[in-house]
């Protein structure tokens, strides 16, 4: 199995919207990808929010935690047209991105 974890720090303003609005849109777009290919075992998108995470530190604004049965499933997700379609928006609104894939 492969864990695929991605974290994004968003720009304060981009694409005509503020960070909070873009984070919500990003979550909606990512959540719609949760079942686009076979082999996705877990798929969770979370937003950093001071009201939801009182006392918790967050250095990134959006995180994707996902688990795939194998590299072929991860590759199918990465190459899927629905996933590819959201990349221009995410690229436009992100300030920074970190990713880690690992086998467990």
PDB file of N, CA and C in Angstrom:
ATOM      1  N   UNK A   1       0.843  -1.185   0.000  1.00  0.00           N
ATOM      2  CA  UNK A   1       0.000   0.000   0.000  1.00  0.00           C
ATOM      3  C   UNK A   1       0.885   1.243   0.000  1.00  0.00           C
ATOM      4  N   UNK A   2       0.334   2.311  -0.548  1.00  0.00           N
ATOM      5  CA  UNK A   2       1.062   3.575  -0.638  1.00  0.00           C
ATOM      6  C   UNK A   2       0.234   4.687  -0.010  1.00  0.00           C
ATOM      7  N   UNK A   3       0.858   5.440   0.879  1.00  0.00           N
ATOM      8  CA  UNK A   3       0.233   6.648   1.420  1.00  0.00           C
ATOM      9  C   UNK A   3       0.712   7.825   0.583  1.00  0.00           C
ATOM     10  N   UNK A   4      -0.226   8.681   0.245  1.00  0.00           N
ATOM     11  CA  UNK A   4       0.036   9.882  -0.566  1.00  0.00           C
ATOM     12  C   UNK A   4      -0.487  11.061   0.247  1.00  0.00           C
ATOM     13  N   UNK A   5       0.434  11.871   0.751  1.00  0.00           N
ATOM     14  CA  UNK A   5       0.062  13.004   1.599  1.00  0.00           C
ATOM     15  C   UNK A   5       0.573  14.276   0.940  1.00  0.00           C
ATOM     16  N   UNK A   6      -0.336  15.227   0.751  1.00  0.00           N
ATOM     17  CA  UNK A   6       0.014  16.495   0.113  1.00  0.00           C
ATOM     18  C   UNK A   6      -0.505  17.626   0.993  1.00  0.00           C
ATOM     19  N   UNK A   7       0.332  18.661   1.181  1.00  0.00           N
ATOM     20  CA  UNK A   7      -0.060  19.826   1.972  1.00  0.00           C
ATOM     21  C   UNK A   7       0.184  21.076   1.137  1.00  0.00           C
ATOM     22  N   UNK A   8      -0.765  22.012   1.221  1.00  0.00           N
ATOM     23  CA  UNK A   8      -0.656  23.252   0.485  1.00  0.00           C
ATOM     24  C   UNK A   8      -0.801  24.444   1.414  1.00  0.00           C
ATOM     25  N   UNK A   9       0.024  25.445   1.194  1.00  0.00           N
ATOM     26  CA  UNK A   9      -0.140  26.766   1.806  1.00  0.00           C
ATOM     27  C   UNK A   9      -0.698  27.634   0.687  1.00  0.00           C
ATOM     28  N   UNK A  10      -1.796  28.331   0.970  1.00  0.00           N
ATOM     29  CA  UNK A  10      -2.458  29.113  -0.065  1.00  0.00           C
ATOM     30  C   UNK A  10      -2.099  30.591   0.009  1.00  0.00           C
ATOM     31  N   UNK A  11      -2.201  31.250  -1.140  1.00  0.00           N
ATOM     32  CA  UNK A  11      -1.995  32.695  -1.219  1.00  0.00           C
ATOM     33  C   UNK A  11      -3.147  33.395  -0.505  1.00  0.00           C
ATOM     34  N   UNK A  12      -2.905  34.572   0.032  1.00  0.00           N
ATOM     35  CA  UNK A  12      -3.958  35.337   0.713  1.00  0.00           C
ATOM     36  C   UNK A  12      -5.110  35.665  -0.235  1.00  0.00           C
ATOM     37  N   UNK A  13      -4.775  35.987  -1.486  1.00  0.00           N
ATOM     38  CA  UNK A  13      -5.780  36.269  -2.519  1.00  0.00           C
ATOM     39  C   UNK A  13      -5.290  35.686  -3.835  1.00  0.00           C
ATOM     40  N   UNK A  14      -6.186  35.027  -4.563  1.00  0.00           N
ATOM     41  CA  UNK A  14      -5.859  34.474  -5.883  1.00  0.00           C
ATOM     42  C   UNK A  14      -7.160  34.123  -6.586  1.00  0.00           C
ATOM     43  N   UNK A  15      -7.135  34.185  -7.887  1.00  0.00           N
ATOM     44  CA  UNK A  15      -8.301  33.817  -8.682  1.00  0.00           C
ATOM     45  C   UNK A  15      -9.554  34.592  -8.270  1.00  0.00           C
ATOM     46  N   UNK A  16      -9.369  35.837  -7.825  1.00  0.00           N
ATOM     47  CA  UNK A  16     -10.491  36.689  -7.456  1.00  0.00           C
ATOM     48  C   UNK A  16     -11.152  36.347  -6.137  1.00  0.00           C
ATOM     49  N   UNK A  17     -10.476  35.561  -5.299  1.00  0.00           N
ATOM     50  CA  UNK A  17     -11.078  35.149  -4.026  1.00  0.00           C
ATOM     51  C   UNK A  17     -10.023  35.168  -2.924  1.00  0.00           C
ATOM     52  N   UNK A  18     -10.498  35.147  -1.671  1.00  0.00           N
ATOM     53  CA  UNK A  18      -9.577  35.102  -0.550  1.00  0.00           C
ATOM     54  C   UNK A  18      -9.175  33.657  -0.239  1.00  0.00           C
ATOM     55  N   UNK A  19      -8.217  33.525   0.665  1.00  0.00           N
ATOM     56  CA  UNK A  19      -7.672  32.216   1.028  1.00  0.00           C
ATOM     57  C   UNK A  19      -8.759  31.241   1.501  1.00  0.00           C
ATOM     58  N   UNK A  20      -9.649  31.699   2.371  1.00  0.00           N
ATOM     59  CA  UNK A  20     -10.679  30.810   2.911  1.00  0.00           C
ATOM     60  C   UNK A  20     -11.598  30.282   1.813  1.00  0.00           C
ATOM     61  N   UNK A  21     -12.001  31.158   0.899  1.00  0.00           N
ATOM     62  CA  UNK A  21     -12.872  30.732  -0.205  1.00  0.00           C
ATOM     63  C   UNK A  21     -12.162  29.749  -1.121  1.00  0.00           C
ATOM     64  N   UNK A  22     -10.901  30.029  -1.422  1.00  0.00           N
ATOM     65  CA  UNK A  22     -10.141  29.121  -2.279  1.00  0.00           C
ATOM     66  C   UNK A  22      -9.887  27.784  -1.599  1.00  0.00           C
ATOM     67  N   UNK A  23      -9.677  27.789  -0.299  1.00  0.00           N
ATOM     68  CA  UNK A  23      -9.485  26.532   0.432  1.00  0.00           C
ATOM     69  C   UNK A  23     -10.752  25.676   0.360  1.00  0.00           C
ATOM     70  N   UNK A  24     -11.904  26.301   0.535  1.00  0.00           N
ATOM     71  CA  UNK A  24     -13.168  25.556   0.446  1.00  0.00           C
ATOM     72  C   UNK A  24     -13.386  24.989  -0.947  1.00  0.00           C
ATOM     73  N   UNK A  25     -13.100  25.795  -1.966  1.00  0.00           N
ATOM     74  CA  UNK A  25     -13.247  25.317  -3.347  1.00  0.00           C
ATOM     75  C   UNK A  25     -12.286  24.165  -3.611  1.00  0.00           C
ATOM     76  N   UNK A  26     -11.068  24.313  -3.136  1.00  0.00           N
ATOM     77  CA  UNK A  26     -10.065  23.271  -3.312  1.00  0.00           C
ATOM     78  C   UNK A  26     -10.503  21.965  -2.651  1.00  0.00           C
ATOM     79  N   UNK A  27     -11.039  22.056  -1.446  1.00  0.00           N
ATOM     80  CA  UNK A  27     -11.529  20.868  -0.740  1.00  0.00           C
ATOM     81  C   UNK A  27     -12.650  20.196  -1.528  1.00  0.00           C
ATOM     82  N   UNK A  28     -13.565  20.988  -2.042  1.00  0.00           N
ATOM     83  CA  UNK A  28     -14.674  20.441  -2.827  1.00  0.00           C
ATOM     84  C   UNK A  28     -14.151  19.707  -4.064  1.00  0.00           C
ATOM     85  N   UNK A  29     -13.208  20.329  -4.761  1.00  0.00           N
ATOM     86  CA  UNK A  29     -12.630  19.705  -5.952  1.00  0.00           C
ATOM     87  C   UNK A  29     -11.895  18.411  -5.614  1.00  0.00           C
ATOM     88  N   UNK A  30     -11.107  18.438  -4.547  1.00  0.00           N
ATOM     89  CA  UNK A  30     -10.377  17.241  -4.148  1.00  0.00           C
ATOM     90  C   UNK A  30     -11.321  16.143  -3.661  1.00  0.00           C
ATOM     91  N   UNK A  31     -12.299  16.509  -2.843  1.00  0.00           N
ATOM     92  CA  UNK A  31     -13.246  15.508  -2.329  1.00  0.00           C
ATOM     93  C   UNK A  31     -13.972  14.789  -3.458  1.00  0.00           C
ATOM     94  N   UNK A  32     -14.205  15.482  -4.565  1.00  0.00           N
ATOM     95  CA  UNK A  32     -14.887  14.871  -5.712  1.00  0.00           C
ATOM     96  C   UNK A  32     -14.022  13.801  -6.383  1.00  0.00           C
ATOM     97  N   UNK A  33     -12.743  13.746  -6.043  1.00  0.00           N
ATOM     98  CA  UNK A  33     -11.830  12.755  -6.611  1.00  0.00           C
ATOM     99  C   UNK A  33     -11.709  11.493  -5.755  1.00  0.00           C
ATOM    100  N   UNK A  34     -12.444  11.421  -4.681  1.00  0.00           N
ATOM    101  CA  UNK A  34     -12.266  10.345  -3.695  1.00  0.00           C
ATOM    102  C   UNK A  34     -12.484   8.947  -4.254  1.00  0.00           C
ATOM    103  N   UNK A  35     -13.276   8.810  -5.293  1.00  0.00           N
ATOM    104  CA  UNK A  35     -13.578   7.475  -5.824  1.00  0.00           C
ATOM    105  C   UNK A  35     -13.414   7.400  -7.335  1.00  0.00           C
ATOM    106  N   UNK A  36     -12.517   8.185  -7.898  1.00  0.00           N
ATOM    107  CA  UNK A  36     -12.447   8.243  -9.354  1.00  0.00           C
ATOM    108  C   UNK A  36     -11.745   7.049  -9.993  1.00  0.00           C
ATOM    109  N   UNK A  37     -10.959   6.314  -9.203  1.00  0.00           N
ATOM    110  CA  UNK A  37     -10.304   5.116  -9.741  1.00  0.00           C
ATOM    111  C   UNK A  37     -10.385   3.997  -8.716  1.00  0.00           C
ATOM    112  N   UNK A  38     -10.358   2.755  -9.181  1.00  0.00           N
ATOM    113  CA  UNK A  38     -10.282   1.636  -8.242  1.00  0.00           C
ATOM    114  C   UNK A  38      -8.943   1.676  -7.493  1.00  0.00           C
ATOM    115  N   UNK A  39      -8.935   1.194  -6.282  1.00  0.00           N
ATOM    116  CA  UNK A  39      -7.690   1.090  -5.529  1.00  0.00           C
ATOM    117  C   UNK A  39      -7.451   2.209  -4.538  1.00  0.00           C
ATOM    118  N   UNK A  40      -8.406   3.133  -4.408  1.00  0.00           N
ATOM    119  CA  UNK A  40      -8.301   4.169  -3.378  1.00  0.00           C
ATOM    120  C   UNK A  40      -8.902   3.590  -2.101  1.00  0.00           C
ATOM    121  N   UNK A  41      -8.100   3.440  -1.065  1.00  0.00           N
ATOM    122  CA  UNK A  41      -8.566   2.857   0.186  1.00  0.00           C
ATOM    123  C   UNK A  41      -8.988   3.913   1.201  1.00  0.00           C
ATOM    124  N   UNK A  42      -8.350   5.070   1.161  1.00  0.00           N
ATOM    125  CA  UNK A  42      -8.681   6.171   2.068  1.00  0.00           C
ATOM    126  C   UNK A  42      -8.424   7.466   1.316  1.00  0.00           C
ATOM    127  N   UNK A  43      -9.256   8.479   1.604  1.00  0.00           N
ATOM    128  CA  UNK A  43      -9.116   9.764   0.914  1.00  0.00           C
ATOM    129  C   UNK A  43      -9.773  10.814   1.785  1.00  0.00           C
ATOM    130  N   UNK A  44      -8.955  11.685   2.359  1.00  0.00           N
ATOM    131  CA  UNK A  44      -9.467  12.692   3.288  1.00  0.00           C
ATOM    132  C   UNK A  44      -8.799  14.029   3.005  1.00  0.00           C
ATOM    133  N   UNK A  45      -9.616  15.056   2.842  1.00  0.00           N
ATOM    134  CA  UNK A  45      -9.117  16.411   2.666  1.00  0.00           C
ATOM    135  C   UNK A  45      -9.510  17.211   3.898  1.00  0.00           C
ATOM    136  N   UNK A  46      -8.571  17.953   4.460  1.00  0.00           N
ATOM    137  CA  UNK A  46      -8.848  18.749   5.661  1.00  0.00           C
ATOM    138  C   UNK A  46      -8.339  20.167   5.471  1.00  0.00           C
ATOM    139  N   UNK A  47      -9.034  21.101   6.120  1.00  0.00           N
ATOM    140  CA  UNK A  47      -8.661  22.508   6.086  1.00  0.00           C
ATOM    141  C   UNK A  47      -8.230  22.959   7.468  1.00  0.00           C
ATOM    142  N   UNK A  48      -7.192  23.775   7.509  1.00  0.00           N
ATOM    143  CA  UNK A  48      -6.793  24.386   8.770  1.00  0.00           C
ATOM    144  C   UNK A  48      -7.770  25.513   9.051  1.00  0.00           C
ATOM    145  N   UNK A  49      -8.291  25.538  10.246  1.00  0.00           N
ATOM    146  CA  UNK A  49      -9.247  26.576  10.610  1.00  0.00           C
ATOM    147  C   UNK A  49      -9.126  26.853  12.092  1.00  0.00           C
ATOM    148  N   UNK A  50      -8.883  28.097  12.427  1.00  0.00           N
ATOM    149  CA  UNK A  50      -8.705  28.430  13.842  1.00  0.00           C
ATOM    150  C   UNK A  50      -9.946  28.114  14.665  1.00  0.00           C
ATOM    151  N   UNK A  51     -11.129  28.217  14.059  1.00  0.00           N
ATOM    152  CA  UNK A  51     -12.348  27.933  14.819  1.00  0.00           C
ATOM    153  C   UNK A  51     -12.519  26.434  15.070  1.00  0.00           C
ATOM    154  N   UNK A  52     -12.002  25.599  14.166  1.00  0.00           N
ATOM    155  CA  UNK A  52     -12.130  24.150  14.330  1.00  0.00           C
ATOM    156  C   UNK A  52     -10.966  23.555  15.103  1.00  0.00           C
ATOM    157  N   UNK A  53      -9.832  24.221  15.075  1.00  0.00           N
ATOM    158  CA  UNK A  53      -8.634  23.639  15.656  1.00  0.00           C
ATOM    159  C   UNK A  53      -8.044  24.554  16.732  1.00  0.00           C
ATOM    160  N   UNK A  54      -8.873  24.992  17.619  1.00  0.00           N
ATOM    161  CA  UNK A  54      -8.411  25.882  18.675  1.00  0.00           C
ATOM    162  C   UNK A  54      -7.250  25.223  19.422  1.00  0.00           C
ATOM    163  N   UNK A  55      -6.143  25.939  19.483  1.00  0.00           N
ATOM    164  CA  UNK A  55      -4.977  25.433  20.192  1.00  0.00           C
ATOM    165  C   UNK A  55      -4.099  24.497  19.390  1.00  0.00           C
ATOM    166  N   UNK A  56      -4.498  24.177  18.141  1.00  0.00           N
ATOM    167  CA  UNK A  56      -3.682  23.297  17.308  1.00  0.00           C
ATOM    168  C   UNK A  56      -2.902  24.120  16.294  1.00  0.00           C
ATOM    169  N   UNK A  57      -1.671  23.751  16.089  1.00  0.00           N
ATOM    170  CA  UNK A  57      -0.820  24.465  15.143  1.00  0.00           C
ATOM    171  C   UNK A  57      -1.065  23.947  13.729  1.00  0.00           C
ATOM    172  N   UNK A  58      -1.106  24.851  12.772  1.00  0.00           N
ATOM    173  CA  UNK A  58      -1.243  24.477  11.367  1.00  0.00           C
ATOM    174  C   UNK A  58      -0.327  25.366  10.542  1.00  0.00           C
ATOM    175  N   UNK A  59       0.650  24.769   9.888  1.00  0.00           N
ATOM    176  CA  UNK A  59       1.563  25.543   9.052  1.00  0.00           C
ATOM    177  C   UNK A  59       1.164  25.497   7.586  1.00  0.00           C
ATOM    178  N   UNK A  60       0.169  24.674   7.254  1.00  0.00           N
ATOM    179  CA  UNK A  60      -0.379  24.603   5.906  1.00  0.00           C
ATOM    180  C   UNK A  60      -1.886  24.786   5.991  1.00  0.00           C
ATOM    181  N   UNK A  61      -2.492  25.137   4.872  1.00  0.00           N
ATOM    182  CA  UNK A  61      -3.915  25.464   4.850  1.00  0.00           C
ATOM    183  C   UNK A  61      -4.811  24.297   4.448  1.00  0.00           C
ATOM    184  N   UNK A  62      -4.308  23.438   3.587  1.00  0.00           N
ATOM    185  CA  UNK A  62      -5.087  22.304   3.086  1.00  0.00           C
ATOM    186  C   UNK A  62      -4.183  21.081   3.100  1.00  0.00           C
ATOM    187  N   UNK A  63      -4.746  19.943   3.491  1.00  0.00           N
ATOM    188  CA  UNK A  63      -3.985  18.699   3.454  1.00  0.00           C
ATOM    189  C   UNK A  63      -4.846  17.610   2.831  1.00  0.00           C
ATOM    190  N   UNK A  64      -4.195  16.773   2.037  1.00  0.00           N
ATOM    191  CA  UNK A  64      -4.830  15.587   1.475  1.00  0.00           C
ATOM    192  C   UNK A  64      -4.098  14.377   2.026  1.00  0.00           C
ATOM    193  N   UNK A  65      -4.855  13.479   2.652  1.00  0.00           N
ATOM    194  CA  UNK A  65      -4.317  12.217   3.147  1.00  0.00           C
ATOM    195  C   UNK A  65      -5.029  11.127   2.358  1.00  0.00           C
ATOM    196  N   UNK A  66      -4.261  10.307   1.653  1.00  0.00           N
ATOM    197  CA  UNK A  66      -4.888   9.243   0.872  1.00  0.00           C
ATOM    198  C   UNK A  66      -4.031   7.987   0.914  1.00  0.00           C
ATOM    199  N   UNK A  67      -4.703   6.853   0.718  1.00  0.00           N
ATOM    200  CA  UNK A  67      -4.042   5.557   0.714  1.00  0.00           C
ATOM    201  C   UNK A  67      -4.498   4.811  -0.539  1.00  0.00           C
ATOM    202  N   UNK A  68      -3.530   4.234  -1.243  1.00  0.00           N
ATOM    203  CA  UNK A  68      -3.790   3.491  -2.469  1.00  0.00           C
ATOM    204  C   UNK A  68      -3.282   2.067  -2.320  1.00  0.00           C
ATOM    205  N   UNK A  69      -3.929   1.125  -2.999  1.00  0.00           N
ATOM    206  CA  UNK A  69      -3.515  -0.277  -2.875  1.00  0.00           C
ATOM    207  C   UNK A  69      -2.118  -0.505  -3.415  1.00  0.00           C
ATOM    208  N   UNK A  70      -1.743   0.259  -4.451  1.00  0.00           N
ATOM    209  CA  UNK A  70      -0.416   0.089  -5.045  1.00  0.00           C
ATOM    210  C   UNK A  70      -0.075   1.309  -5.896  1.00  0.00           C
ATOM    211  N   UNK A  71       1.123   1.294  -6.483  1.00  0.00           N
ATOM    212  CA  UNK A  71       1.575   2.423  -7.290  1.00  0.00           C
ATOM    213  C   UNK A  71       0.713   2.585  -8.536  1.00  0.00           C
ATOM    214  N   UNK A  72       0.238   1.498  -9.083  1.00  0.00           N
ATOM    215  CA  UNK A  72      -0.615   1.584 -10.272  1.00  0.00           C
ATOM    216  C   UNK A  72      -1.893   2.365  -9.964  1.00  0.00           C
ATOM    217  N   UNK A  73      -2.472   2.152  -8.787  1.00  0.00           N
ATOM    218  CA  UNK A  73      -3.684   2.899  -8.402  1.00  0.00           C
ATOM    219  C   UNK A  73      -3.359   4.380  -8.202  1.00  0.00           C
ATOM    220  N   UNK A  74      -2.225   4.682  -7.566  1.00  0.00           N
ATOM    221  CA  UNK A  74      -1.815   6.079  -7.392  1.00  0.00           C
ATOM    222  C   UNK A  74      -1.572   6.730  -8.747  1.00  0.00           C
ATOM    223  N   UNK A  75      -0.899   6.027  -9.644  1.00  0.00           N
ATOM    224  CA  UNK A  75      -0.653   6.562 -10.980  1.00  0.00           C
ATOM    225  C   UNK A  75      -1.964   6.806 -11.733  1.00  0.00           C
ATOM    226  N   UNK A  76      -2.908   5.885 -11.607  1.00  0.00           N
ATOM    227  CA  UNK A  76      -4.204   6.057 -12.269  1.00  0.00           C
ATOM    228  C   UNK A  76      -4.922   7.292 -11.734  1.00  0.00           C
ATOM    229  N   UNK A  77      -4.842   7.513 -10.427  1.00  0.00           N
ATOM    230  CA  UNK A  77      -5.425   8.716  -9.819  1.00  0.00           C
ATOM    231  C   UNK A  77      -4.732   9.963 -10.356  1.00  0.00           C
ATOM    232  N   UNK A  78      -3.404   9.965 -10.358  1.00  0.00           N
ATOM    233  CA  UNK A  78      -2.641  11.135 -10.807  1.00  0.00           C
ATOM    234  C   UNK A  78      -2.961  11.483 -12.259  1.00  0.00           C
ATOM    235  N   UNK A  79      -3.159  10.469 -13.092  1.00  0.00           N
ATOM    236  CA  UNK A  79      -3.384  10.675 -14.526  1.00  0.00           C
ATOM    237  C   UNK A  79      -4.848  10.862 -14.906  1.00  0.00           C
ATOM    238  N   UNK A  80      -5.765  10.626 -13.979  1.00  0.00           N
ATOM    239  CA  UNK A  80      -7.194  10.709 -14.289  1.00  0.00           C
ATOM    240  C   UNK A  80      -7.558  12.132 -14.736  1.00  0.00           C
ATOM    241  N   UNK A  81      -8.387  12.268 -15.777  1.00  0.00           N
ATOM    242  CA  UNK A  81      -8.764  13.594 -16.268  1.00  0.00           C
ATOM    243  C   UNK A  81      -9.397  14.499 -15.211  1.00  0.00           C
ATOM    244  N   UNK A  82     -10.160  13.949 -14.301  1.00  0.00           N
ATOM    245  CA  UNK A  82     -10.780  14.772 -13.250  1.00  0.00           C
ATOM    246  C   UNK A  82      -9.718  15.352 -12.321  1.00  0.00           C
ATOM    247  N   UNK A  83      -8.711  14.559 -11.995  1.00  0.00           N
ATOM    248  CA  UNK A  83      -7.607  15.053 -11.164  1.00  0.00           C
ATOM    249  C   UNK A  83      -6.785  16.080 -11.937  1.00  0.00           C
ATOM    250  N   UNK A  84      -6.496  15.800 -13.181  1.00  0.00           N
ATOM    251  CA  UNK A  84      -5.730  16.733 -14.007  1.00  0.00           C
ATOM    252  C   UNK A  84      -6.452  18.075 -14.155  1.00  0.00           C
ATOM    253  N   UNK A  85      -7.779  18.046 -14.217  1.00  0.00           N
ATOM    254  CA  UNK A  85      -8.568  19.269 -14.417  1.00  0.00           C
ATOM    255  C   UNK A  85      -8.489  20.233 -13.238  1.00  0.00           C
ATOM    256  N   UNK A  86      -8.243  19.736 -12.028  1.00  0.00           N
ATOM    257  CA  UNK A  86      -8.187  20.639 -10.872  1.00  0.00           C
ATOM    258  C   UNK A  86      -6.800  21.245 -10.653  1.00  0.00           C
ATOM    259  N   UNK A  87      -5.799  20.708 -11.307  1.00  0.00           N
ATOM    260  CA  UNK A  87      -4.433  21.192 -11.107  1.00  0.00           C
ATOM    261  C   UNK A  87      -4.222  22.669 -11.460  1.00  0.00           C
ATOM    262  N   UNK A  88      -4.792  23.193 -12.560  1.00  0.00           N
ATOM    263  CA  UNK A  88      -4.580  24.624 -12.848  1.00  0.00           C
ATOM    264  C   UNK A  88      -5.097  25.538 -11.740  1.00  0.00           C
ATOM    265  N   UNK A  89      -6.260  25.214 -11.165  1.00  0.00           N
ATOM    266  CA  UNK A  89      -6.785  26.031 -10.064  1.00  0.00           C
ATOM    267  C   UNK A  89      -5.858  25.951  -8.860  1.00  0.00           C
ATOM    268  N   UNK A  90      -5.465  24.747  -8.486  1.00  0.00           N
ATOM    269  CA  UNK A  90      -4.614  24.586  -7.311  1.00  0.00           C
ATOM    270  C   UNK A  90      -3.277  25.298  -7.519  1.00  0.00           C
ATOM    271  N   UNK A  91      -2.717  25.166  -8.691  1.00  0.00           N
ATOM    272  CA  UNK A  91      -1.449  25.846  -8.986  1.00  0.00           C
ATOM    273  C   UNK A  91      -1.602  27.357  -8.860  1.00  0.00           C
ATOM    274  N   UNK A  92      -2.738  27.888  -9.295  1.00  0.00           N
ATOM    275  CA  UNK A  92      -2.962  29.334  -9.253  1.00  0.00           C
ATOM    276  C   UNK A  92      -3.132  29.869  -7.834  1.00  0.00           C
ATOM    277  N   UNK A  93      -3.689  29.061  -6.929  1.00  0.00           N
ATOM    278  CA  UNK A  93      -3.983  29.564  -5.585  1.00  0.00           C
ATOM    279  C   UNK A  93      -2.935  29.171  -4.537  1.00  0.00           C
ATOM    280  N   UNK A  94      -2.051  28.280  -4.875  1.00  0.00           N
ATOM    281  CA  UNK A  94      -1.073  27.825  -3.881  1.00  0.00           C
ATOM    282  C   UNK A  94       0.153  28.722  -3.823  1.00  0.00           C
ATOM    283  N   UNK A  95       0.661  28.834  -2.624  1.00  0.00           N
ATOM    284  CA  UNK A  95       1.922  29.529  -2.393  1.00  0.00           C
ATOM    285  C   UNK A  95       3.050  28.511  -2.256  1.00  0.00           C
ATOM    286  N   UNK A  96       2.712  27.366  -1.644  1.00  0.00           N
ATOM    287  CA  UNK A  96       3.701  26.331  -1.395  1.00  0.00           C
ATOM    288  C   UNK A  96       3.000  24.986  -1.405  1.00  0.00           C
ATOM    289  N   UNK A  97       3.751  23.929  -1.720  1.00  0.00           N
ATOM    290  CA  UNK A  97       3.216  22.576  -1.732  1.00  0.00           C
ATOM    291  C   UNK A  97       4.292  21.617  -1.239  1.00  0.00           C
ATOM    292  N   UNK A  98       3.885  20.680  -0.423  1.00  0.00           N
ATOM    293  CA  UNK A  98       4.753  19.602   0.028  1.00  0.00           C
ATOM    294  C   UNK A  98       4.034  18.292  -0.208  1.00  0.00           C
ATOM    295  N   UNK A  99       4.765  17.290  -0.620  1.00  0.00           N
ATOM    296  CA  UNK A  99       4.159  15.985  -0.905  1.00  0.00           C
ATOM    297  C   UNK A  99       5.076  14.888  -0.417  1.00  0.00           C
ATOM    298  N   UNK A 100       4.471  13.815   0.070  1.00  0.00           N
ATOM    299  CA  UNK A 100       5.237  12.644   0.444  1.00  0.00           C
ATOM    300  C   UNK A 100       4.432  11.399   0.108  1.00  0.00           C
ATOM    301  N   UNK A 101       5.039  10.496  -0.638  1.00  0.00           N
ATOM    302  CA  UNK A 101       4.463   9.184  -0.940  1.00  0.00           C
ATOM    303  C   UNK A 101       5.370   8.154  -0.309  1.00  0.00           C
ATOM    304  N   UNK A 102       4.776   7.169   0.350  1.00  0.00           N
ATOM    305  CA  UNK A 102       5.605   6.113   0.914  1.00  0.00           C
ATOM    306  C   UNK A 102       4.842   4.808   0.999  1.00  0.00           C
ATOM    307  N   UNK A 103       5.592   3.738   0.891  1.00  0.00           N
ATOM    308  CA  UNK A 103       5.040   2.381   0.972  1.00  0.00           C
ATOM    309  C   UNK A 103       5.023   1.976   2.437  1.00  0.00           C
ATOM    310  N   UNK A 104       3.949   1.323   2.838  1.00  0.00           N
ATOM    311  CA  UNK A 104       3.885   0.818   4.201  1.00  0.00           C
ATOM    312  C   UNK A 104       3.291  -0.560   4.227  1.00  0.00           C
TER     313      UNK A 104
END
